[in-house]
Amino acid sequence: MEWLDEEAGPVVRPYAMTRGRTRPSSAALDLLAMVAATGVPVPAQAELSVQHRRLLGHVTRSRTRPIVELSSELGLPVGVVRVLLGDLLDHGLILVRPPLAAAASPTERLLREVINGLRAL
């Protein structure tokens, strides 16, 4: 690995982490999809890299969260995280749920009431 400086650490190209792949194996892995660990042990035949295991460990320790948050917390490009999560999904190590439905989101009326309430403070 090439070193930039002490703070930057090793430089690893994103394509090296994903073995050259740029697309996840599942279309369900959009930015706001919610990810949780299944708790299933890693299969013996699974070829998981250090980044796979780091990501799985993070998902296991945390509550269900969107892919975009995982990317931010781990400091990895979201495209890399989506590809790695696709591998974990293929091995049955994670669950992926669609983002909250629009009906579950706050309405425009409610958001306007909150803004007006804040302005009144």
PDB file of N, CA and C in Angstrom:
ATOM      1  N   MET A   1       0.826  -1.180   0.000  1.00  0.00           N
ATOM      2  CA  MET A   1       0.000   0.000   0.000  1.00  0.00           C
ATOM      3  C   MET A   1       0.870   1.243   0.000  1.00  0.00           C
ATOM      4  N   GLU A   2       0.379   2.265  -0.628  1.00  0.00           N
ATOM      5  CA  GLU A   2       1.087   3.537  -0.694  1.00  0.00           C
ATOM      6  C   GLU A   2       0.611   4.422   0.464  1.00  0.00           C
ATOM      7  N   TRP A   3       1.519   5.164   1.079  1.00  0.00           N
ATOM      8  CA  TRP A   3       1.159   6.036   2.195  1.00  0.00           C
ATOM      9  C   TRP A   3       1.254   7.490   1.752  1.00  0.00           C
ATOM     10  N   LEU A   4       0.224   8.251   2.094  1.00  0.00           N
ATOM     11  CA  LEU A   4       0.253   9.687   1.809  1.00  0.00           C
ATOM     12  C   LEU A   4       0.949  10.432   2.930  1.00  0.00           C
ATOM     13  N   ASP A   5       0.440  10.261   4.134  1.00  0.00           N
ATOM     14  CA  ASP A   5       1.054  10.842   5.315  1.00  0.00           C
ATOM     15  C   ASP A   5       0.526  10.092   6.524  1.00  0.00           C
ATOM     16  N   GLU A   6       0.978  10.463   7.700  1.00  0.00           N
ATOM     17  CA  GLU A   6       0.602   9.737   8.908  1.00  0.00           C
ATOM     18  C   GLU A   6      -0.906   9.750   9.172  1.00  0.00           C
ATOM     19  N   GLU A   7      -1.569  10.886   8.950  1.00  0.00           N
ATOM     20  CA  GLU A   7      -2.993  10.998   9.233  1.00  0.00           C
ATOM     21  C   GLU A   7      -3.865  10.325   8.185  1.00  0.00           C
ATOM     22  N   ALA A   8      -3.446  10.348   6.940  1.00  0.00           N
ATOM     23  CA  ALA A   8      -4.280   9.817   5.870  1.00  0.00           C
ATOM     24  C   ALA A   8      -4.364   8.302   5.909  1.00  0.00           C
ATOM     25  N   GLY A   9      -3.321   7.639   6.347  1.00  0.00           N
ATOM     26  CA  GLY A   9      -3.326   6.180   6.362  1.00  0.00           C
ATOM     27  C   GLY A   9      -3.128   5.621   4.965  1.00  0.00           C
ATOM     28  N   PRO A  10      -3.380   4.332   4.801  1.00  0.00           N
ATOM     29  CA  PRO A  10      -3.135   3.698   3.504  1.00  0.00           C
ATOM     30  C   PRO A  10      -4.173   4.140   2.474  1.00  0.00           C
ATOM     31  N   VAL A  11      -3.754   4.222   1.236  1.00  0.00           N
ATOM     32  CA  VAL A  11      -4.645   4.584   0.140  1.00  0.00           C
ATOM     33  C   VAL A  11      -5.060   3.288  -0.556  1.00  0.00           C
ATOM     34  N   VAL A  12      -6.338   2.993  -0.522  1.00  0.00           N
ATOM     35  CA  VAL A  12      -6.861   1.811  -1.195  1.00  0.00           C
ATOM     36  C   VAL A  12      -7.951   2.295  -2.132  1.00  0.00           C
ATOM     37  N   ARG A  13      -7.809   1.989  -3.393  1.00  0.00           N
ATOM     38  CA  ARG A  13      -8.791   2.394  -4.385  1.00  0.00           C
ATOM     39  C   ARG A  13     -10.105   1.659  -4.142  1.00  0.00           C
ATOM     40  N   PRO A  14     -11.239   2.349  -4.319  1.00  0.00           N
ATOM     41  CA  PRO A  14     -12.544   1.694  -4.105  1.00  0.00           C
ATOM     42  C   PRO A  14     -12.715   0.408  -4.908  1.00  0.00           C
ATOM     43  N   TYR A  15     -12.241   0.372  -6.146  1.00  0.00           N
ATOM     44  CA  TYR A  15     -12.422  -0.830  -6.955  1.00  0.00           C
ATOM     45  C   TYR A  15     -11.644  -2.015  -6.383  1.00  0.00           C
ATOM     46  N   ALA A  16     -10.603  -1.736  -5.603  1.00  0.00           N
ATOM     47  CA  ALA A  16      -9.859  -2.832  -4.977  1.00  0.00           C
ATOM     48  C   ALA A  16     -10.683  -3.470  -3.865  1.00  0.00           C
ATOM     49  N   MET A  17     -11.484  -2.670  -3.169  1.00  0.00           N
ATOM     50  CA  MET A  17     -12.323  -3.189  -2.086  1.00  0.00           C
ATOM     51  C   MET A  17     -13.485  -4.025  -2.619  1.00  0.00           C
ATOM     52  N   THR A  18     -13.911  -3.736  -3.834  1.00  0.00           N
ATOM     53  CA  THR A  18     -15.073  -4.427  -4.408  1.00  0.00           C
ATOM     54  C   THR A  18     -14.687  -5.428  -5.486  1.00  0.00           C
ATOM     55  N   ARG A  19     -13.393  -5.663  -5.633  1.00  0.00           N
ATOM     56  CA  ARG A  19     -12.875  -6.577  -6.663  1.00  0.00           C
ATOM     57  C   ARG A  19     -13.309  -6.135  -8.060  1.00  0.00           C
ATOM     58  N   GLY A  20     -13.315  -4.842  -8.272  1.00  0.00           N
ATOM     59  CA  GLY A  20     -13.626  -4.283  -9.582  1.00  0.00           C
ATOM     60  C   GLY A  20     -15.103  -4.114  -9.880  1.00  0.00           C
ATOM     61  N   ARG A  21     -15.959  -4.540  -8.978  1.00  0.00           N
ATOM     62  CA  ARG A  21     -17.407  -4.429  -9.219  1.00  0.00           C
ATOM     63  C   ARG A  21     -17.896  -3.030  -8.873  1.00  0.00           C
ATOM     64  N   THR A  22     -18.850  -2.549  -9.642  1.00  0.00           N
ATOM     65  CA  THR A  22     -19.387  -1.210  -9.398  1.00  0.00           C
ATOM     66  C   THR A  22     -20.865  -1.229  -9.041  1.00  0.00           C
ATOM     67  N   ARG A  23     -21.516  -2.365  -9.197  1.00  0.00           N
ATOM     68  CA  ARG A  23     -22.951  -2.460  -8.900  1.00  0.00           C
ATOM     69  C   ARG A  23     -23.202  -3.542  -7.858  1.00  0.00           C
ATOM     70  N   PRO A  24     -24.135  -3.273  -6.928  1.00  0.00           N
ATOM     71  CA  PRO A  24     -24.485  -4.297  -5.939  1.00  0.00           C
ATOM     72  C   PRO A  24     -25.269  -5.433  -6.601  1.00  0.00           C
ATOM     73  N   SER A  25     -25.296  -6.571  -5.959  1.00  0.00           N
ATOM     74  CA  SER A  25     -25.989  -7.734  -6.510  1.00  0.00           C
ATOM     75  C   SER A  25     -27.500  -7.648  -6.366  1.00  0.00           C
ATOM     76  N   SER A  26     -28.005  -6.663  -5.623  1.00  0.00           N
ATOM     77  CA  SER A  26     -29.442  -6.526  -5.406  1.00  0.00           C
ATOM     78  C   SER A  26     -29.883  -5.085  -5.650  1.00  0.00           C
ATOM     79  N   ALA A  27     -31.017  -4.952  -6.322  1.00  0.00           N
ATOM     80  CA  ALA A  27     -31.586  -3.619  -6.563  1.00  0.00           C
ATOM     81  C   ALA A  27     -32.190  -3.038  -5.286  1.00  0.00           C
ATOM     82  N   ALA A  28     -32.373  -3.857  -4.263  1.00  0.00           N
ATOM     83  CA  ALA A  28     -32.970  -3.395  -3.005  1.00  0.00           C
ATOM     84  C   ALA A  28     -32.032  -2.486  -2.217  1.00  0.00           C
ATOM     85  N   LEU A  29     -30.776  -2.393  -2.629  1.00  0.00           N
ATOM     86  CA  LEU A  29     -29.780  -1.638  -1.871  1.00  0.00           C
ATOM     87  C   LEU A  29     -29.707  -0.186  -2.335  1.00  0.00           C
ATOM     88  N   ASP A  30     -30.817   0.547  -2.188  1.00  0.00           N
ATOM     89  CA  ASP A  30     -30.754   1.972  -2.513  1.00  0.00           C
ATOM     90  C   ASP A  30     -30.259   2.744  -1.292  1.00  0.00           C
ATOM     91  N   LEU A  31     -30.006   4.007  -1.446  1.00  0.00           N
ATOM     92  CA  LEU A  31     -29.355   4.798  -0.395  1.00  0.00           C
ATOM     93  C   LEU A  31     -30.105   4.815   0.928  1.00  0.00           C
ATOM     94  N   LEU A  32     -31.431   4.786   0.878  1.00  0.00           N
ATOM     95  CA  LEU A  32     -32.214   4.891   2.105  1.00  0.00           C
ATOM     96  C   LEU A  32     -32.723   3.552   2.618  1.00  0.00           C
ATOM     97  N   ALA A  33     -32.361   2.457   1.946  1.00  0.00           N
ATOM     98  CA  ALA A  33     -32.770   1.132   2.411  1.00  0.00           C
ATOM     99  C   ALA A  33     -32.209   0.906   3.813  1.00  0.00           C
ATOM    100  N   MET A  34     -32.998   0.244   4.638  1.00  0.00           N
ATOM    101  CA  MET A  34     -32.605  -0.011   6.018  1.00  0.00           C
ATOM    102  C   MET A  34     -31.916  -1.372   6.102  1.00  0.00           C
ATOM    103  N   VAL A  35     -30.791  -1.429   6.810  1.00  0.00           N
ATOM    104  CA  VAL A  35     -29.977  -2.645   6.893  1.00  0.00           C
ATOM    105  C   VAL A  35     -29.860  -3.090   8.351  1.00  0.00           C
ATOM    106  N   ALA A  36     -30.009  -4.396   8.558  1.00  0.00           N
ATOM    107  CA  ALA A  36     -29.835  -4.982   9.883  1.00  0.00           C
ATOM    108  C   ALA A  36     -29.147  -6.337   9.729  1.00  0.00           C
ATOM    109  N   ALA A  37     -28.430  -6.751  10.751  1.00  0.00           N
ATOM    110  CA  ALA A  37     -27.758  -8.058  10.743  1.00  0.00           C
ATOM    111  C   ALA A  37     -28.773  -9.143  11.061  1.00  0.00           C
ATOM    112  N   THR A  38     -28.577 -10.319  10.470  1.00  0.00           N
ATOM    113  CA  THR A  38     -29.464 -11.453  10.746  1.00  0.00           C
ATOM    114  C   THR A  38     -28.994 -12.247  11.953  1.00  0.00           C
ATOM    115  N   GLY A  39     -27.719 -12.154  12.282  1.00  0.00           N
ATOM    116  CA  GLY A  39     -27.174 -12.936  13.387  1.00  0.00           C
ATOM    117  C   GLY A  39     -26.724 -14.323  12.953  1.00  0.00           C
ATOM    118  N   VAL A  40     -26.858 -14.621  11.675  1.00  0.00           N
ATOM    119  CA  VAL A  40     -26.419 -15.903  11.134  1.00  0.00           C
ATOM    120  C   VAL A  40     -24.898 -15.929  11.102  1.00  0.00           C
ATOM    121  N   PRO A  41     -24.277 -17.062  11.476  1.00  0.00           N
ATOM    122  CA  PRO A  41     -22.809 -17.132  11.399  1.00  0.00           C
ATOM    123  C   PRO A  41     -22.325 -17.044   9.954  1.00  0.00           C
ATOM    124  N   VAL A  42     -21.135 -16.532   9.786  1.00  0.00           N
ATOM    125  CA  VAL A  42     -20.545 -16.408   8.453  1.00  0.00           C
ATOM    126  C   VAL A  42     -20.287 -17.816   7.908  1.00  0.00           C
ATOM    127  N   PRO A  43     -20.819 -18.133   6.711  1.00  0.00           N
ATOM    128  CA  PRO A  43     -20.583 -19.463   6.128  1.00  0.00           C
ATOM    129  C   PRO A  43     -19.092 -19.702   5.864  1.00  0.00           C
ATOM    130  N   ALA A  44     -18.673 -20.931   5.994  1.00  0.00           N
ATOM    131  CA  ALA A  44     -17.260 -21.286   5.810  1.00  0.00           C
ATOM    132  C   ALA A  44     -16.775 -20.951   4.402  1.00  0.00           C
ATOM    133  N   GLN A  45     -17.640 -21.079   3.394  1.00  0.00           N
ATOM    134  CA  GLN A  45     -17.229 -20.838   2.007  1.00  0.00           C
ATOM    135  C   GLN A  45     -17.256 -19.349   1.634  1.00  0.00           C
ATOM    136  N   ALA A  46     -17.733 -18.495   2.525  1.00  0.00           N
ATOM    137  CA  ALA A  46     -17.803 -17.056   2.235  1.00  0.00           C
ATOM    138  C   ALA A  46     -16.401 -16.459   2.215  1.00  0.00           C
ATOM    139  N   GLU A  47     -16.075 -15.808   1.127  1.00  0.00           N
ATOM    140  CA  GLU A  47     -14.782 -15.134   1.015  1.00  0.00           C
ATOM    141  C   GLU A  47     -14.983 -13.658   1.332  1.00  0.00           C
ATOM    142  N   LEU A  48     -14.941 -13.334   2.615  1.00  0.00           N
ATOM    143  CA  LEU A  48     -15.177 -11.963   3.045  1.00  0.00           C
ATOM    144  C   LEU A  48     -13.849 -11.258   3.308  1.00  0.00           C
ATOM    145  N   SER A  49     -13.733 -10.065   2.740  1.00  0.00           N
ATOM    146  CA  SER A  49     -12.528  -9.259   2.936  1.00  0.00           C
ATOM    147  C   SER A  49     -12.581  -8.584   4.311  1.00  0.00           C
ATOM    148  N   VAL A  50     -11.509  -7.895   4.614  1.00  0.00           N
ATOM    149  CA  VAL A  50     -11.444  -7.129   5.858  1.00  0.00           C
ATOM    150  C   VAL A  50     -12.570  -6.085   5.871  1.00  0.00           C
ATOM    151  N   GLN A  51     -12.821  -5.436   4.737  1.00  0.00           N
ATOM    152  CA  GLN A  51     -13.878  -4.418   4.672  1.00  0.00           C
ATOM    153  C   GLN A  51     -15.258  -5.040   4.854  1.00  0.00           C
ATOM    154  N   HIS A  52     -15.479  -6.240   4.300  1.00  0.00           N
ATOM    155  CA  HIS A  52     -16.741  -6.952   4.519  1.00  0.00           C
ATOM    156  C   HIS A  52     -16.959  -7.187   6.015  1.00  0.00           C
ATOM    157  N   ARG A  53     -15.929  -7.681   6.659  1.00  0.00           N
ATOM    158  CA  ARG A  53     -16.038  -8.014   8.089  1.00  0.00           C
ATOM    159  C   ARG A  53     -16.198  -6.752   8.940  1.00  0.00           C
ATOM    160  N   ARG A  54     -15.524  -5.700   8.567  1.00  0.00           N
ATOM    161  CA  ARG A  54     -15.671  -4.421   9.281  1.00  0.00           C
ATOM    162  C   ARG A  54     -17.101  -3.909   9.159  1.00  0.00           C
ATOM    163  N   LEU A  55     -17.646  -3.963   7.946  1.00  0.00           N
ATOM    164  CA  LEU A  55     -19.011  -3.521   7.705  1.00  0.00           C
ATOM    165  C   LEU A  55     -20.003  -4.396   8.452  1.00  0.00           C
ATOM    166  N   LEU A  56     -19.831  -5.709   8.393  1.00  0.00           N
ATOM    167  CA  LEU A  56     -20.724  -6.623   9.096  1.00  0.00           C
ATOM    168  C   LEU A  56     -20.666  -6.386  10.600  1.00  0.00           C
ATOM    169  N   GLY A  57     -19.476  -6.177  11.138  1.00  0.00           N
ATOM    170  CA  GLY A  57     -19.341  -5.889  12.563  1.00  0.00           C
ATOM    171  C   GLY A  57     -20.075  -4.615  12.948  1.00  0.00           C
ATOM    172  N   HIS A  58     -19.990  -3.613  12.106  1.00  0.00           N
ATOM    173  CA  HIS A  58     -20.669  -2.343  12.386  1.00  0.00           C
ATOM    174  C   HIS A  58     -22.188  -2.525  12.347  1.00  0.00           C
ATOM    175  N   VAL A  59     -22.668  -3.262  11.348  1.00  0.00           N
ATOM    176  CA  VAL A  59     -24.111  -3.508  11.229  1.00  0.00           C
ATOM    177  C   VAL A  59     -24.596  -4.325  12.424  1.00  0.00           C
ATOM    178  N   THR A  60     -23.804  -5.292  12.863  1.00  0.00           N
ATOM    179  CA  THR A  60     -24.183  -6.158  13.980  1.00  0.00           C
ATOM    180  C   THR A  60     -24.276  -5.364  15.284  1.00  0.00           C
ATOM    181  N   ARG A  61     -23.357  -4.442  15.496  1.00  0.00           N
ATOM    182  CA  ARG A  61     -23.324  -3.667  16.748  1.00  0.00           C
ATOM    183  C   ARG A  61     -24.357  -2.548  16.799  1.00  0.00           C
ATOM    184  N   SER A  62     -24.890  -2.152  15.661  1.00  0.00           N
ATOM    185  CA  SER A  62     -25.776  -0.986  15.649  1.00  0.00           C
ATOM    186  C   SER A  62     -27.214  -1.391  15.354  1.00  0.00           C
ATOM    187  N   ARG A  63     -28.083  -0.461  15.552  1.00  0.00           N
ATOM    188  CA  ARG A  63     -29.491  -0.672  15.236  1.00  0.00           C
ATOM    189  C   ARG A  63     -29.680  -0.613  13.728  1.00  0.00           C
ATOM    190  N   THR A  64     -30.873  -0.943  13.275  1.00  0.00           N
ATOM    191  CA  THR A  64     -31.179  -0.863  11.852  1.00  0.00           C
ATOM    192  C   THR A  64     -30.962   0.572  11.390  1.00  0.00           C
ATOM    193  N   ARG A  65     -30.251   0.704  10.283  1.00  0.00           N
ATOM    194  CA  ARG A  65     -29.951   2.061   9.797  1.00  0.00           C
ATOM    195  C   ARG A  65     -29.847   2.076   8.283  1.00  0.00           C
ATOM    196  N   PRO A  66     -30.023   3.266   7.699  1.00  0.00           N
ATOM    197  CA  PRO A  66     -29.927   3.391   6.239  1.00  0.00           C
ATOM    198  C   PRO A  66     -28.495   3.199   5.735  1.00  0.00           C
ATOM    199  N   ILE A  67     -28.386   2.743   4.512  1.00  0.00           N
ATOM    200  CA  ILE A  67     -27.093   2.509   3.878  1.00  0.00           C
ATOM    201  C   ILE A  67     -26.251   3.778   3.861  1.00  0.00           C
ATOM    202  N   VAL A  68     -26.867   4.900   3.580  1.00  0.00           N
ATOM    203  CA  VAL A  68     -26.125   6.157   3.502  1.00  0.00           C
ATOM    204  C   VAL A  68     -25.469   6.500   4.845  1.00  0.00           C
ATOM    205  N   GLU A  69     -26.123   6.172   5.963  1.00  0.00           N
ATOM    206  CA  GLU A  69     -25.520   6.413   7.278  1.00  0.00           C
ATOM    207  C   GLU A  69     -24.339   5.485   7.519  1.00  0.00           C
ATOM    208  N   LEU A  70     -24.481   4.217   7.129  1.00  0.00           N
ATOM    209  CA  LEU A  70     -23.365   3.277   7.277  1.00  0.00           C
ATOM    210  C   LEU A  70     -22.148   3.776   6.512  1.00  0.00           C
ATOM    211  N   SER A  71     -22.378   4.246   5.310  1.00  0.00           N
ATOM    212  CA  SER A  71     -21.298   4.763   4.479  1.00  0.00           C
ATOM    213  C   SER A  71     -20.589   5.915   5.179  1.00  0.00           C
ATOM    214  N   SER A  72     -21.363   6.823   5.714  1.00  0.00           N
ATOM    215  CA  SER A  72     -20.801   7.983   6.393  1.00  0.00           C
ATOM    216  C   SER A  72     -20.026   7.576   7.647  1.00  0.00           C
ATOM    217  N   GLU A  73     -20.602   6.689   8.442  1.00  0.00           N
ATOM    218  CA  GLU A  73     -19.965   6.284   9.693  1.00  0.00           C
ATOM    219  C   GLU A  73     -18.655   5.535   9.465  1.00  0.00           C
ATOM    220  N   LEU A  74     -18.593   4.751   8.390  1.00  0.00           N
ATOM    221  CA  LEU A  74     -17.391   3.973   8.112  1.00  0.00           C
ATOM    222  C   LEU A  74     -16.382   4.726   7.254  1.00  0.00           C
ATOM    223  N   GLY A  75     -16.783   5.868   6.704  1.00  0.00           N
ATOM    224  CA  GLY A  75     -15.883   6.648   5.873  1.00  0.00           C
ATOM    225  C   GLY A  75     -15.573   5.979   4.547  1.00  0.00           C
ATOM    226  N   LEU A  76     -16.526   5.224   4.026  1.00  0.00           N
ATOM    227  CA  LEU A  76     -16.365   4.542   2.745  1.00  0.00           C
ATOM    228  C   LEU A  76     -17.329   5.128   1.724  1.00  0.00           C
ATOM    229  N   PRO A  77     -16.959   5.130   0.454  1.00  0.00           N
ATOM    230  CA  PRO A  77     -17.888   5.603  -0.578  1.00  0.00           C
ATOM    231  C   PRO A  77     -19.160   4.750  -0.577  1.00  0.00           C
ATOM    232  N   VAL A  78     -20.293   5.398  -0.794  1.00  0.00           N
ATOM    233  CA  VAL A  78     -21.577   4.687  -0.735  1.00  0.00           C
ATOM    234  C   VAL A  78     -21.646   3.578  -1.781  1.00  0.00           C
ATOM    235  N   GLY A  79     -21.033   3.764  -2.934  1.00  0.00           N
ATOM    236  CA  GLY A  79     -21.024   2.718  -3.950  1.00  0.00           C
ATOM    237  C   GLY A  79     -20.306   1.464  -3.466  1.00  0.00           C
ATOM    238  N   VAL A  80     -19.211   1.649  -2.754  1.00  0.00           N
ATOM    239  CA  VAL A  80     -18.464   0.524  -2.187  1.00  0.00           C
ATOM    240  C   VAL A  80     -19.313  -0.180  -1.137  1.00  0.00           C
ATOM    241  N   VAL A  81     -19.955   0.582  -0.273  1.00  0.00           N
ATOM    242  CA  VAL A  81     -20.782   0.004   0.783  1.00  0.00           C
ATOM    243  C   VAL A  81     -21.928  -0.806   0.170  1.00  0.00           C
ATOM    244  N   ARG A  82     -22.540  -0.300  -0.881  1.00  0.00           N
ATOM    245  CA  ARG A  82     -23.641  -1.027  -1.529  1.00  0.00           C
ATOM    246  C   ARG A  82     -23.161  -2.360  -2.110  1.00  0.00           C
ATOM    247  N   VAL A  83     -21.999  -2.373  -2.740  1.00  0.00           N
ATOM    248  CA  VAL A  83     -21.466  -3.623  -3.301  1.00  0.00           C
ATOM    249  C   VAL A  83     -21.143  -4.607  -2.176  1.00  0.00           C
ATOM    250  N   LEU A  84     -20.494  -4.141  -1.121  1.00  0.00           N
ATOM    251  CA  LEU A  84     -20.145  -5.017  -0.001  1.00  0.00           C
ATOM    252  C   LEU A  84     -21.396  -5.557   0.686  1.00  0.00           C
ATOM    253  N   LEU A  85     -22.407  -4.694   0.862  1.00  0.00           N
ATOM    254  CA  LEU A  85     -23.657  -5.151   1.462  1.00  0.00           C
ATOM    255  C   LEU A  85     -24.351  -6.185   0.583  1.00  0.00           C
ATOM    256  N   GLY A  86     -24.252  -6.034  -0.725  1.00  0.00           N
ATOM    257  CA  GLY A  86     -24.812  -7.027  -1.638  1.00  0.00           C
ATOM    258  C   GLY A  86     -24.198  -8.394  -1.404  1.00  0.00           C
ATOM    259  N   ASP A  87     -22.890  -8.424  -1.172  1.00  0.00           N
ATOM    260  CA  ASP A  87     -22.217  -9.691  -0.879  1.00  0.00           C
ATOM    261  C   ASP A  87     -22.727 -10.276   0.437  1.00  0.00           C
ATOM    262  N   LEU A  88     -22.864  -9.422   1.452  1.00  0.00           N
ATOM    263  CA  LEU A  88     -23.357  -9.893   2.750  1.00  0.00           C
ATOM    264  C   LEU A  88     -24.800 -10.388   2.639  1.00  0.00           C
ATOM    265  N   LEU A  89     -25.589  -9.714   1.830  1.00  0.00           N
ATOM    266  CA  LEU A  89     -26.976 -10.136   1.593  1.00  0.00           C
ATOM    267  C   LEU A  89     -27.007 -11.497   0.903  1.00  0.00           C
ATOM    268  N   ASP A  90     -26.141 -11.701  -0.072  1.00  0.00           N
ATOM    269  CA  ASP A  90     -26.072 -12.975  -0.791  1.00  0.00           C
ATOM    270  C   ASP A  90     -25.739 -14.138   0.140  1.00  0.00           C
ATOM    271  N   HIS A  91     -24.996 -13.865   1.200  1.00  0.00           N
ATOM    272  CA  HIS A  91     -24.632 -14.903   2.171  1.00  0.00           C
ATOM    273  C   HIS A  91     -25.645 -14.997   3.311  1.00  0.00           C
ATOM    274  N   GLY A  92     -26.711 -14.197   3.260  1.00  0.00           N
ATOM    275  CA  GLY A  92     -27.743 -14.245   4.293  1.00  0.00           C
ATOM    276  C   GLY A  92     -27.332 -13.637   5.613  1.00  0.00           C
ATOM    277  N   LEU A  93     -26.345 -12.749   5.589  1.00  0.00           N
ATOM    278  CA  LEU A  93     -25.820 -12.160   6.821  1.00  0.00           C
ATOM    279  C   LEU A  93     -26.525 -10.871   7.225  1.00  0.00           C
ATOM    280  N   ILE A  94     -27.249 -10.262   6.283  1.00  0.00           N
ATOM    281  CA  ILE A  94     -27.994  -9.033   6.584  1.00  0.00           C
ATOM    282  C   ILE A  94     -29.403  -9.125   6.015  1.00  0.00           C
ATOM    283  N   LEU A  95     -30.263  -8.287   6.551  1.00  0.00           N
ATOM    284  CA  LEU A  95     -31.612  -8.078   6.028  1.00  0.00           C
ATOM    285  C   LEU A  95     -31.665  -6.667   5.469  1.00  0.00           C
ATOM    286  N   VAL A  96     -32.369  -6.499   4.375  1.00  0.00           N
ATOM    287  CA  VAL A  96     -32.533  -5.176   3.784  1.00  0.00           C
ATOM    288  C   VAL A  96     -34.022  -4.901   3.674  1.00  0.00           C
ATOM    289  N   ARG A  97     -34.427  -3.781   4.246  1.00  0.00           N
ATOM    290  CA  ARG A  97     -35.828  -3.367   4.192  1.00  0.00           C
ATOM    291  C   ARG A  97     -35.918  -2.079   3.396  1.00  0.00           C
ATOM    292  N   PRO A  98     -37.020  -1.929   2.644  1.00  0.00           N
ATOM    293  CA  PRO A  98     -37.170  -0.671   1.897  1.00  0.00           C
ATOM    294  C   PRO A  98     -37.282   0.509   2.859  1.00  0.00           C
ATOM    295  N   PRO A  99     -36.979   1.709   2.378  1.00  0.00           N
ATOM    296  CA  PRO A  99     -37.114   2.888   3.250  1.00  0.00           C
ATOM    297  C   PRO A  99     -38.567   3.083   3.650  1.00  0.00           C
ATOM    298  N   LEU A 100     -38.759   3.878   4.673  1.00  0.00           N
ATOM    299  CA  LEU A 100     -40.113   4.164   5.135  1.00  0.00           C
ATOM    300  C   LEU A 100     -40.969   4.672   3.988  1.00  0.00           C
ATOM    301  N   ALA A 101     -42.205   4.229   3.978  1.00  0.00           N
ATOM    302  CA  ALA A 101     -43.135   4.672   2.938  1.00  0.00           C
ATOM    303  C   ALA A 101     -43.418   6.157   3.091  1.00  0.00           C
ATOM    304  N   ALA A 102     -43.804   6.773   1.998  1.00  0.00           N
ATOM    305  CA  ALA A 102     -44.114   8.209   2.028  1.00  0.00           C
ATOM    306  C   ALA A 102     -45.238   8.498   3.013  1.00  0.00           C
ATOM    307  N   ALA A 103     -46.150   7.564   3.176  1.00  0.00           N
ATOM    308  CA  ALA A 103     -47.262   7.761   4.111  1.00  0.00           C
ATOM    309  C   ALA A 103     -46.767   7.851   5.553  1.00  0.00           C
ATOM    310  N   ALA A 104     -45.650   7.201   5.848  1.00  0.00           N
ATOM    311  CA  ALA A 104     -45.110   7.231   7.198  1.00  0.00           C
ATOM    312  C   ALA A 104     -44.294   8.492   7.453  1.00  0.00           C
ATOM    313  N   SER A 105     -43.997   9.232   6.415  1.00  0.00           N
ATOM    314  CA  SER A 105     -43.245  10.474   6.551  1.00  0.00           C
ATOM    315  C   SER A 105     -44.180  11.592   6.994  1.00  0.00           C
ATOM    316  N   PRO A 106     -43.638  12.595   7.642  1.00  0.00           N
ATOM    317  CA  PRO A 106     -44.486  13.710   8.065  1.00  0.00           C
ATOM    318  C   PRO A 106     -45.086  14.433   6.854  1.00  0.00           C
ATOM    319  N   THR A 107     -46.286  14.927   7.032  1.00  0.00           N
ATOM    320  CA  THR A 107     -46.945  15.654   5.955  1.00  0.00           C
ATOM    321  C   THR A 107     -46.396  17.072   5.866  1.00  0.00           C
ATOM    322  N   GLU A 108     -46.646  17.708   4.742  1.00  0.00           N
ATOM    323  CA  GLU A 108     -46.201  19.091   4.571  1.00  0.00           C
ATOM    324  C   GLU A 108     -46.861  19.988   5.617  1.00  0.00           C
ATOM    325  N   ARG A 109     -48.122  19.729   5.906  1.00  0.00           N
ATOM    326  CA  ARG A 109     -48.849  20.530   6.895  1.00  0.00           C
ATOM    327  C   ARG A 109     -48.165  20.438   8.259  1.00  0.00           C
ATOM    328  N   LEU A 110     -47.784  19.233   8.664  1.00  0.00           N
ATOM    329  CA  LEU A 110     -47.121  19.052   9.955  1.00  0.00           C
ATOM    330  C   LEU A 110     -45.772  19.773   9.978  1.00  0.00           C
ATOM    331  N   LEU A 111     -45.026  19.671   8.905  1.00  0.00           N
ATOM    332  CA  LEU A 111     -43.731  20.354   8.842  1.00  0.00           C
ATOM    333  C   LEU A 111     -43.893  21.865   8.912  1.00  0.00           C
ATOM    334  N   ARG A 112     -44.916  22.398   8.256  1.00  0.00           N
ATOM    335  CA  ARG A 112     -45.168  23.852   8.332  1.00  0.00           C
ATOM    336  C   ARG A 112     -45.533  24.271   9.748  1.00  0.00           C
ATOM    337  N   GLU A 113     -46.313  23.448  10.443  1.00  0.00           N
ATOM    338  CA  GLU A 113     -46.676  23.753  11.835  1.00  0.00           C
ATOM    339  C   GLU A 113     -45.431  23.774  12.720  1.00  0.00           C
ATOM    340  N   VAL A 114     -44.516  22.854  12.495  1.00  0.00           N
ATOM    341  CA  VAL A 114     -43.272  22.818  13.273  1.00  0.00           C
ATOM    342  C   VAL A 114     -42.451  24.071  12.996  1.00  0.00           C
ATOM    343  N   ILE A 115     -42.327  24.451  11.731  1.00  0.00           N
ATOM    344  CA  ILE A 115     -41.573  25.666  11.371  1.00  0.00           C
ATOM    345  C   ILE A 115     -42.203  26.894  12.006  1.00  0.00           C
ATOM    346  N   ASN A 116     -43.521  26.990  11.926  1.00  0.00           N
ATOM    347  CA  ASN A 116     -44.206  28.139  12.540  1.00  0.00           C
ATOM    348  C   ASN A 116     -44.022  28.155  14.047  1.00  0.00           C
ATOM    349  N   GLY A 117     -44.055  26.982  14.671  1.00  0.00           N
ATOM    350  CA  GLY A 117     -43.837  26.902  16.103  1.00  0.00           C
ATOM    351  C   GLY A 117     -42.430  27.339  16.490  1.00  0.00           C
ATOM    352  N   LEU A 118     -41.459  26.946  15.687  1.00  0.00           N
ATOM    353  CA  LEU A 118     -40.078  27.360  15.951  1.00  0.00           C
ATOM    354  C   LEU A 118     -39.895  28.851  15.770  1.00  0.00           C
ATOM    355  N   ARG A 119     -40.543  29.402  14.765  1.00  0.00           N
ATOM    356  CA  ARG A 119     -40.456  30.855  14.550  1.00  0.00           C
ATOM    357  C   ARG A 119     -41.075  31.620  15.703  1.00  0.00           C
ATOM    358  N   ALA A 120     -42.115  31.053  16.304  1.00  0.00           N
ATOM    359  CA  ALA A 120     -42.806  31.706  17.411  1.00  0.00           C
ATOM    360  C   ALA A 120     -41.932  31.767  18.679  1.00  0.00           C
ATOM    361  N   LEU A 121     -40.937  30.915  18.739  1.00  0.00           N
ATOM    362  CA  LEU A 121     -40.047  30.918  19.929  1.00  0.00           C
ATOM    363  C   LEU A 121     -39.225  32.150  19.884  1.00  0.00           C
TER     364      LEU A 121
END
